[in-house]
Amino acid sequence: MARRDSSSLGRRGGHDPAAGNRSAKVGGIVRRLVAERMELIDDDRLTMVSITGVDVDRDLYRAVVWFTSLDDDHDPEIAEAFEEHGGKMRHHVATQSKLRRAPILEFRPEVALRSGGRIEEILRASPVIEQHGEPQSRDHGEEE
């Protein structure tokens, strides 16, 4: 059997270690350009919204843009605003970057940050547990 030359595998036939680097680099570009475009959009639903990250798939076809806001009750309205302005944002990415093709943008709320904040609140409110399992106050048992 003939040995297949790995250089002939190309993008489809083998593992491309640079694909992860490209995805991360494109994600950073998309994040910067979407945030830049958000500043130019006059929509009250997007005023207190931050872009927390962008995940781009391996073939650079789709990008998930993660957002957060101060009030998670307004996520449906924020998602609606992103849906309305998503085409303008993608166009901005296409014209301002050197990408051959701008990825399709999907906007999703970042729930991990909110969950982390909620866990911190719970930990601050709960009593400290000593090694023996007995609740202790935050002053470490010191009497006043």
N, C-alpha and C. Protein backbone atom coordinates (compact mmCIF):
# COMPACT_ATOMS: atom_id res chain seq x y z
N MET A 1 0.84 -1.19 0.00
CA MET A 1 0.00 0.00 0.00
C MET A 1 0.88 1.24 0.00
N ALA A 2 0.45 2.19 -0.73
CA ALA A 2 1.19 3.45 -0.80
C ALA A 2 0.87 4.29 0.43
N ARG A 3 1.89 4.91 0.94
CA ARG A 3 1.73 5.79 2.08
C ARG A 3 1.20 7.13 1.61
N ARG A 4 0.18 7.62 2.26
CA ARG A 4 -0.42 8.88 1.88
C ARG A 4 0.40 10.03 2.46
N ASP A 5 0.75 10.96 1.63
CA ASP A 5 1.50 12.14 2.05
C ASP A 5 0.56 13.06 2.83
N SER A 6 0.94 13.42 4.04
CA SER A 6 0.06 14.25 4.88
C SER A 6 -0.16 15.64 4.29
N SER A 7 0.74 16.12 3.45
CA SER A 7 0.55 17.44 2.86
C SER A 7 -0.58 17.43 1.84
N SER A 8 -0.93 16.24 1.32
CA SER A 8 -2.01 16.16 0.34
C SER A 8 -3.38 16.05 1.00
N LEU A 9 -3.40 15.88 2.31
CA LEU A 9 -4.67 15.75 2.99
C LEU A 9 -5.47 17.05 2.96
N GLY A 10 -4.80 18.15 3.03
CA GLY A 10 -5.50 19.43 2.98
C GLY A 10 -6.40 19.65 4.17
N ARG A 11 -7.40 20.48 3.99
CA ARG A 11 -8.30 20.85 5.08
C ARG A 11 -9.25 19.74 5.45
N ARG A 12 -9.67 18.94 4.48
CA ARG A 12 -10.70 17.94 4.74
C ARG A 12 -10.16 16.63 5.28
N GLY A 13 -8.95 16.25 4.88
CA GLY A 13 -8.48 14.93 5.18
C GLY A 13 -7.74 14.75 6.47
N GLY A 14 -7.32 15.79 7.12
CA GLY A 14 -6.52 15.60 8.32
C GLY A 14 -6.76 16.69 9.34
N HIS A 15 -6.08 16.55 10.43
CA HIS A 15 -6.20 17.52 11.52
C HIS A 15 -5.37 18.75 11.21
N ASP A 16 -5.98 19.90 11.37
CA ASP A 16 -5.28 21.16 11.11
C ASP A 16 -5.13 21.90 12.44
N PRO A 17 -3.94 21.83 13.07
CA PRO A 17 -3.77 22.46 14.39
C PRO A 17 -3.93 23.97 14.35
N ALA A 18 -3.75 24.59 13.21
CA ALA A 18 -3.88 26.04 13.13
C ALA A 18 -5.34 26.48 13.11
N ALA A 19 -6.28 25.55 12.92
CA ALA A 19 -7.69 25.91 12.85
C ALA A 19 -8.17 26.54 14.16
N GLY A 20 -7.71 26.02 15.29
CA GLY A 20 -8.09 26.60 16.58
C GLY A 20 -7.56 28.00 16.75
N ASN A 21 -6.34 28.23 16.29
CA ASN A 21 -5.77 29.58 16.36
C ASN A 21 -6.53 30.54 15.47
N ARG A 22 -6.91 30.09 14.28
CA ARG A 22 -7.69 30.94 13.37
C ARG A 22 -9.03 31.27 13.98
N SER A 23 -9.69 30.29 14.57
CA SER A 23 -10.99 30.52 15.19
C SER A 23 -10.89 31.56 16.30
N ALA A 24 -9.87 31.43 17.13
CA ALA A 24 -9.68 32.38 18.23
C ALA A 24 -9.39 33.78 17.70
N LYS A 25 -8.57 33.87 16.68
CA LYS A 25 -8.22 35.16 16.10
C LYS A 25 -9.45 35.82 15.46
N VAL A 26 -10.21 35.05 14.71
CA VAL A 26 -11.43 35.58 14.09
C VAL A 26 -12.45 35.96 15.17
N GLY A 27 -12.52 35.16 16.23
CA GLY A 27 -13.42 35.49 17.34
C GLY A 27 -13.09 36.84 17.96
N GLY A 28 -11.81 37.12 18.14
CA GLY A 28 -11.40 38.41 18.68
C GLY A 28 -11.75 39.56 17.75
N ILE A 29 -11.57 39.34 16.46
CA ILE A 29 -11.92 40.37 15.48
C ILE A 29 -13.42 40.63 15.48
N VAL A 30 -14.21 39.55 15.48
CA VAL A 30 -15.67 39.68 15.47
C VAL A 30 -16.13 40.38 16.74
N ARG A 31 -15.55 40.02 17.88
CA ARG A 31 -15.95 40.64 19.15
C ARG A 31 -15.71 42.15 19.12
N ARG A 32 -14.53 42.54 18.67
CA ARG A 32 -14.19 43.96 18.61
C ARG A 32 -15.12 44.71 17.66
N LEU A 33 -15.37 44.14 16.49
CA LEU A 33 -16.19 44.84 15.50
C LEU A 33 -17.67 44.89 15.87
N VAL A 34 -18.18 43.83 16.50
CA VAL A 34 -19.58 43.85 16.95
C VAL A 34 -19.76 44.89 18.05
N ALA A 35 -18.82 44.94 18.99
CA ALA A 35 -18.89 45.94 20.07
C ALA A 35 -18.80 47.35 19.49
N GLU A 36 -17.94 47.51 18.50
CA GLU A 36 -17.79 48.81 17.84
C GLU A 36 -19.10 49.23 17.17
N ARG A 37 -19.74 48.30 16.49
CA ARG A 37 -21.00 48.59 15.80
C ARG A 37 -22.13 48.85 16.79
N MET A 38 -22.12 48.15 17.93
CA MET A 38 -23.16 48.36 18.94
C MET A 38 -23.17 49.79 19.44
N GLU A 39 -22.00 50.42 19.52
CA GLU A 39 -21.92 51.80 19.98
C GLU A 39 -22.62 52.76 19.02
N LEU A 40 -22.69 52.38 17.74
CA LEU A 40 -23.29 53.24 16.73
C LEU A 40 -24.80 53.03 16.58
N ILE A 41 -25.32 51.95 17.14
CA ILE A 41 -26.74 51.63 17.02
C ILE A 41 -27.51 52.35 18.11
N ASP A 42 -28.53 53.09 17.71
CA ASP A 42 -29.36 53.82 18.66
C ASP A 42 -30.58 52.97 19.03
N ASP A 43 -30.36 52.05 19.97
CA ASP A 43 -31.42 51.16 20.43
C ASP A 43 -31.26 51.03 21.94
N ASP A 44 -32.28 51.48 22.67
CA ASP A 44 -32.22 51.47 24.13
C ASP A 44 -32.03 50.08 24.71
N ARG A 45 -32.46 49.06 23.98
CA ARG A 45 -32.33 47.69 24.49
C ARG A 45 -30.87 47.24 24.56
N LEU A 46 -29.99 47.91 23.83
CA LEU A 46 -28.58 47.52 23.79
C LEU A 46 -27.66 48.45 24.59
N THR A 47 -28.23 49.36 25.38
CA THR A 47 -27.40 50.35 26.06
C THR A 47 -26.52 49.75 27.15
N MET A 48 -27.02 48.86 27.96
CA MET A 48 -26.24 48.29 29.06
C MET A 48 -25.86 46.83 28.79
N VAL A 49 -25.52 46.54 27.55
CA VAL A 49 -25.17 45.18 27.13
C VAL A 49 -23.69 45.13 26.82
N SER A 50 -23.04 44.07 27.27
CA SER A 50 -21.62 43.85 26.99
C SER A 50 -21.44 42.54 26.24
N ILE A 51 -20.50 42.54 25.31
CA ILE A 51 -20.13 41.32 24.60
C ILE A 51 -19.04 40.65 25.43
N THR A 52 -19.31 39.43 25.90
CA THR A 52 -18.36 38.75 26.78
C THR A 52 -17.43 37.80 26.04
N GLY A 53 -17.81 37.39 24.86
CA GLY A 53 -16.95 36.50 24.10
C GLY A 53 -17.59 36.11 22.79
N VAL A 54 -16.78 35.52 21.92
CA VAL A 54 -17.26 35.03 20.63
C VAL A 54 -16.61 33.67 20.38
N ASP A 55 -17.42 32.68 20.09
CA ASP A 55 -16.93 31.36 19.72
C ASP A 55 -17.18 31.16 18.23
N VAL A 56 -16.13 30.92 17.49
CA VAL A 56 -16.24 30.72 16.05
C VAL A 56 -15.97 29.25 15.75
N ASP A 57 -16.83 28.66 14.91
CA ASP A 57 -16.61 27.25 14.60
C ASP A 57 -15.37 27.07 13.73
N ARG A 58 -14.95 25.85 13.61
CA ARG A 58 -13.68 25.52 12.98
C ARG A 58 -13.57 25.99 11.53
N ASP A 59 -14.69 25.94 10.79
CA ASP A 59 -14.64 26.35 9.39
C ASP A 59 -14.97 27.84 9.21
N LEU A 60 -15.06 28.58 10.30
CA LEU A 60 -15.29 30.03 10.31
C LEU A 60 -16.62 30.41 9.66
N TYR A 61 -17.58 29.48 9.68
CA TYR A 61 -18.87 29.71 9.06
C TYR A 61 -19.85 30.40 10.00
N ARG A 62 -19.80 30.06 11.28
CA ARG A 62 -20.76 30.58 12.26
C ARG A 62 -20.01 31.06 13.50
N ALA A 63 -20.51 32.18 14.06
CA ALA A 63 -19.93 32.72 15.29
C ALA A 63 -21.04 32.94 16.31
N VAL A 64 -20.85 32.38 17.49
CA VAL A 64 -21.79 32.61 18.59
C VAL A 64 -21.24 33.77 19.40
N VAL A 65 -22.02 34.84 19.48
CA VAL A 65 -21.63 36.05 20.21
C VAL A 65 -22.34 36.00 21.56
N TRP A 66 -21.56 35.92 22.63
CA TRP A 66 -22.11 35.83 23.99
C TRP A 66 -22.23 37.23 24.57
N PHE A 67 -23.39 37.53 25.15
CA PHE A 67 -23.60 38.86 25.74
C PHE A 67 -24.13 38.73 27.16
N THR A 68 -23.96 39.80 27.90
CA THR A 68 -24.50 39.89 29.25
C THR A 68 -25.02 41.29 29.46
N SER A 69 -25.93 41.42 30.41
CA SER A 69 -26.49 42.72 30.76
C SER A 69 -26.67 42.77 32.27
N LEU A 70 -26.93 43.95 32.76
CA LEU A 70 -27.11 44.09 34.21
C LEU A 70 -28.40 43.43 34.69
N ASP A 71 -29.40 43.40 33.82
CA ASP A 71 -30.70 42.85 34.20
C ASP A 71 -31.04 41.69 33.29
N ASP A 72 -30.94 40.47 33.81
CA ASP A 72 -31.19 39.30 32.97
C ASP A 72 -32.66 39.12 32.62
N ASP A 73 -33.55 39.89 33.22
CA ASP A 73 -34.97 39.82 32.88
C ASP A 73 -35.24 40.34 31.47
N HIS A 74 -34.32 41.14 30.94
CA HIS A 74 -34.52 41.75 29.63
C HIS A 74 -33.83 40.96 28.50
N ASP A 75 -33.38 39.76 28.77
CA ASP A 75 -32.71 38.97 27.73
C ASP A 75 -33.55 38.78 26.48
N PRO A 76 -34.86 38.51 26.59
CA PRO A 76 -35.64 38.35 25.36
C PRO A 76 -35.67 39.62 24.50
N GLU A 77 -35.77 40.79 25.14
CA GLU A 77 -35.77 42.04 24.38
C GLU A 77 -34.40 42.31 23.76
N ILE A 78 -33.34 41.97 24.49
CA ILE A 78 -31.98 42.15 23.97
C ILE A 78 -31.75 41.21 22.78
N ALA A 79 -32.20 39.97 22.91
CA ALA A 79 -32.06 39.02 21.81
C ALA A 79 -32.83 39.50 20.59
N GLU A 80 -34.00 40.09 20.81
CA GLU A 80 -34.79 40.64 19.71
C GLU A 80 -34.04 41.80 19.03
N ALA A 81 -33.41 42.65 19.83
CA ALA A 81 -32.63 43.77 19.27
C ALA A 81 -31.46 43.24 18.45
N PHE A 82 -30.78 42.22 18.95
CA PHE A 82 -29.67 41.63 18.20
C PHE A 82 -30.18 41.01 16.90
N GLU A 83 -31.35 40.40 16.96
CA GLU A 83 -31.94 39.82 15.75
C GLU A 83 -32.20 40.91 14.70
N GLU A 84 -32.72 42.04 15.15
CA GLU A 84 -33.01 43.16 14.25
C GLU A 84 -31.74 43.76 13.65
N HIS A 85 -30.69 43.89 14.45
CA HIS A 85 -29.48 44.58 14.03
C HIS A 85 -28.35 43.63 13.61
N GLY A 86 -28.60 42.32 13.66
CA GLY A 86 -27.57 41.34 13.35
C GLY A 86 -27.02 41.47 11.94
N GLY A 87 -27.88 41.78 10.98
CA GLY A 87 -27.43 41.94 9.60
C GLY A 87 -26.47 43.11 9.44
N LYS A 88 -26.77 44.21 10.13
CA LYS A 88 -25.88 45.38 10.09
C LYS A 88 -24.54 45.05 10.74
N MET A 89 -24.59 44.28 11.82
CA MET A 89 -23.35 43.92 12.51
C MET A 89 -22.50 42.99 11.64
N ARG A 90 -23.14 42.04 10.98
CA ARG A 90 -22.40 41.13 10.10
C ARG A 90 -21.81 41.91 8.93
N HIS A 91 -22.58 42.85 8.38
CA HIS A 91 -22.07 43.68 7.28
C HIS A 91 -20.85 44.48 7.75
N HIS A 92 -20.92 45.00 8.96
CA HIS A 92 -19.79 45.76 9.53
C HIS A 92 -18.56 44.86 9.66
N VAL A 93 -18.77 43.63 10.13
CA VAL A 93 -17.65 42.68 10.24
C VAL A 93 -17.07 42.41 8.85
N ALA A 94 -17.95 42.24 7.86
CA ALA A 94 -17.49 41.93 6.50
C ALA A 94 -16.69 43.08 5.90
N THR A 95 -17.13 44.31 6.11
CA THR A 95 -16.45 45.45 5.48
C THR A 95 -15.21 45.90 6.23
N GLN A 96 -15.17 45.67 7.54
CA GLN A 96 -14.06 46.18 8.34
C GLN A 96 -12.96 45.15 8.60
N SER A 97 -13.20 43.91 8.24
CA SER A 97 -12.18 42.89 8.44
C SER A 97 -11.65 42.44 7.08
N LYS A 98 -10.58 41.69 7.12
CA LYS A 98 -10.01 41.17 5.88
C LYS A 98 -10.44 39.73 5.64
N LEU A 99 -11.55 39.35 6.24
CA LEU A 99 -12.06 37.99 6.06
C LEU A 99 -12.69 37.85 4.68
N ARG A 100 -12.50 36.70 4.07
CA ARG A 100 -13.14 36.45 2.77
C ARG A 100 -14.65 36.43 2.91
N ARG A 101 -15.10 35.90 4.03
CA ARG A 101 -16.53 35.75 4.26
C ARG A 101 -16.80 35.98 5.74
N ALA A 102 -17.71 36.86 6.05
CA ALA A 102 -18.05 37.11 7.45
C ALA A 102 -18.90 35.95 7.97
N PRO A 103 -18.62 35.48 9.18
CA PRO A 103 -19.41 34.37 9.72
C PRO A 103 -20.84 34.82 10.04
N ILE A 104 -21.74 33.86 10.01
CA ILE A 104 -23.12 34.10 10.43
C ILE A 104 -23.08 34.33 11.94
N LEU A 105 -23.73 35.38 12.41
CA LEU A 105 -23.70 35.74 13.83
C LEU A 105 -24.93 35.21 14.54
N GLU A 106 -24.70 34.53 15.65
CA GLU A 106 -25.75 34.05 16.54
C GLU A 106 -25.52 34.70 17.89
N PHE A 107 -26.54 35.29 18.48
CA PHE A 107 -26.39 35.99 19.76
C PHE A 107 -27.07 35.18 20.85
N ARG A 108 -26.31 34.94 21.94
CA ARG A 108 -26.84 34.17 23.08
C ARG A 108 -26.43 34.83 24.38
N PRO A 109 -27.33 34.78 25.39
CA PRO A 109 -26.97 35.35 26.69
C PRO A 109 -25.92 34.49 27.40
N GLU A 110 -25.01 35.12 28.09
CA GLU A 110 -23.95 34.44 28.85
C GLU A 110 -24.50 34.12 30.24
N VAL A 111 -24.91 32.88 30.44
CA VAL A 111 -25.50 32.49 31.71
C VAL A 111 -24.44 32.07 32.73
N ALA A 112 -23.27 31.70 32.27
CA ALA A 112 -22.22 31.24 33.19
C ALA A 112 -21.78 32.36 34.13
N LEU A 113 -21.65 33.57 33.62
CA LEU A 113 -21.25 34.69 34.49
C LEU A 113 -22.30 34.97 35.55
N ARG A 114 -23.56 34.92 35.15
CA ARG A 114 -24.64 35.16 36.11
C ARG A 114 -24.69 34.05 37.15
N SER A 115 -24.48 32.81 36.71
CA SER A 115 -24.49 31.68 37.64
C SER A 115 -23.36 31.83 38.65
N GLY A 116 -22.19 32.23 38.17
CA GLY A 116 -21.05 32.45 39.07
C GLY A 116 -21.34 33.53 40.09
N GLY A 117 -21.97 34.61 39.65
CA GLY A 117 -22.34 35.69 40.57
C GLY A 117 -23.35 35.22 41.60
N ARG A 118 -24.29 34.41 41.16
CA ARG A 118 -25.32 33.89 42.08
C ARG A 118 -24.68 32.94 43.10
N ILE A 119 -23.74 32.13 42.68
CA ILE A 119 -23.04 31.23 43.59
C ILE A 119 -22.28 32.03 44.64
N GLU A 120 -21.62 33.10 44.20
CA GLU A 120 -20.90 33.96 45.15
C GLU A 120 -21.85 34.57 46.18
N GLU A 121 -23.04 35.01 45.73
CA GLU A 121 -24.03 35.56 46.66
C GLU A 121 -24.43 34.52 47.70
N ILE A 122 -24.67 33.32 47.25
CA ILE A 122 -25.09 32.24 48.16
C ILE A 122 -23.98 31.94 49.16
N LEU A 123 -22.74 31.88 48.68
CA LEU A 123 -21.62 31.60 49.58
C LEU A 123 -21.43 32.71 50.60
N ARG A 124 -21.60 33.96 50.18
CA ARG A 124 -21.45 35.07 51.13
C ARG A 124 -22.56 35.05 52.18
N ALA A 125 -23.75 34.61 51.80
CA ALA A 125 -24.88 34.61 52.72
C ALA A 125 -24.88 33.40 53.66
N SER A 126 -24.22 32.32 53.27
CA SER A 126 -24.25 31.11 54.09
C SER A 126 -23.20 31.18 55.19
N PRO A 127 -23.48 30.52 56.30
CA PRO A 127 -22.48 30.47 57.37
C PRO A 127 -21.29 29.60 56.96
N VAL A 128 -20.16 29.89 57.54
CA VAL A 128 -18.95 29.11 57.26
C VAL A 128 -19.07 27.77 57.99
N ILE A 129 -18.72 26.69 57.32
CA ILE A 129 -18.78 25.35 57.91
C ILE A 129 -17.37 24.98 58.38
N GLU A 130 -17.25 24.65 59.65
CA GLU A 130 -15.98 24.19 60.21
C GLU A 130 -15.72 22.76 59.76
N GLN A 131 -14.57 22.24 60.03
CA GLN A 131 -14.23 20.88 59.62
C GLN A 131 -15.18 19.85 60.22
N HIS A 132 -15.73 20.11 61.38
CA HIS A 132 -16.60 19.15 62.04
C HIS A 132 -18.04 19.29 61.60
N GLY A 133 -18.30 20.17 60.62
CA GLY A 133 -19.64 20.27 60.07
C GLY A 133 -20.56 21.20 60.82
N GLU A 134 -20.06 21.93 61.81
CA GLU A 134 -20.93 22.83 62.56
C GLU A 134 -20.83 24.22 61.98
N PRO A 135 -21.98 24.89 61.78
CA PRO A 135 -21.96 26.24 61.24
C PRO A 135 -21.22 27.20 62.17
N GLN A 136 -20.49 28.08 61.60
CA GLN A 136 -19.73 29.08 62.34
C GLN A 136 -20.01 30.43 61.68
N SER A 137 -20.05 31.47 62.43
CA SER A 137 -20.28 32.79 61.85
C SER A 137 -19.05 33.23 61.07
N ARG A 138 -19.18 34.29 60.30
CA ARG A 138 -18.10 34.79 59.46
C ARG A 138 -16.92 35.37 60.27
N ASP A 139 -17.14 35.65 61.55
CA ASP A 139 -16.04 36.20 62.35
C ASP A 139 -15.17 35.09 62.94
N HIS A 140 -15.34 33.87 62.43
CA HIS A 140 -14.54 32.70 62.82
C HIS A 140 -14.65 32.35 64.29
N GLY A 141 -15.83 32.57 64.85
CA GLY A 141 -16.09 32.10 66.19
C GLY A 141 -15.60 33.03 67.29
N GLU A 142 -15.11 34.19 66.96
CA GLU A 142 -14.62 35.11 67.98
C GLU A 142 -15.80 35.79 68.66
N GLU A 143 -15.78 35.86 69.94
CA GLU A 143 -16.82 36.52 70.72
C GLU A 143 -16.53 38.00 70.83
N GLU A 144 -17.59 38.81 70.84
CA GLU A 144 -17.39 40.25 71.02
C GLU A 144 -17.57 40.64 72.43
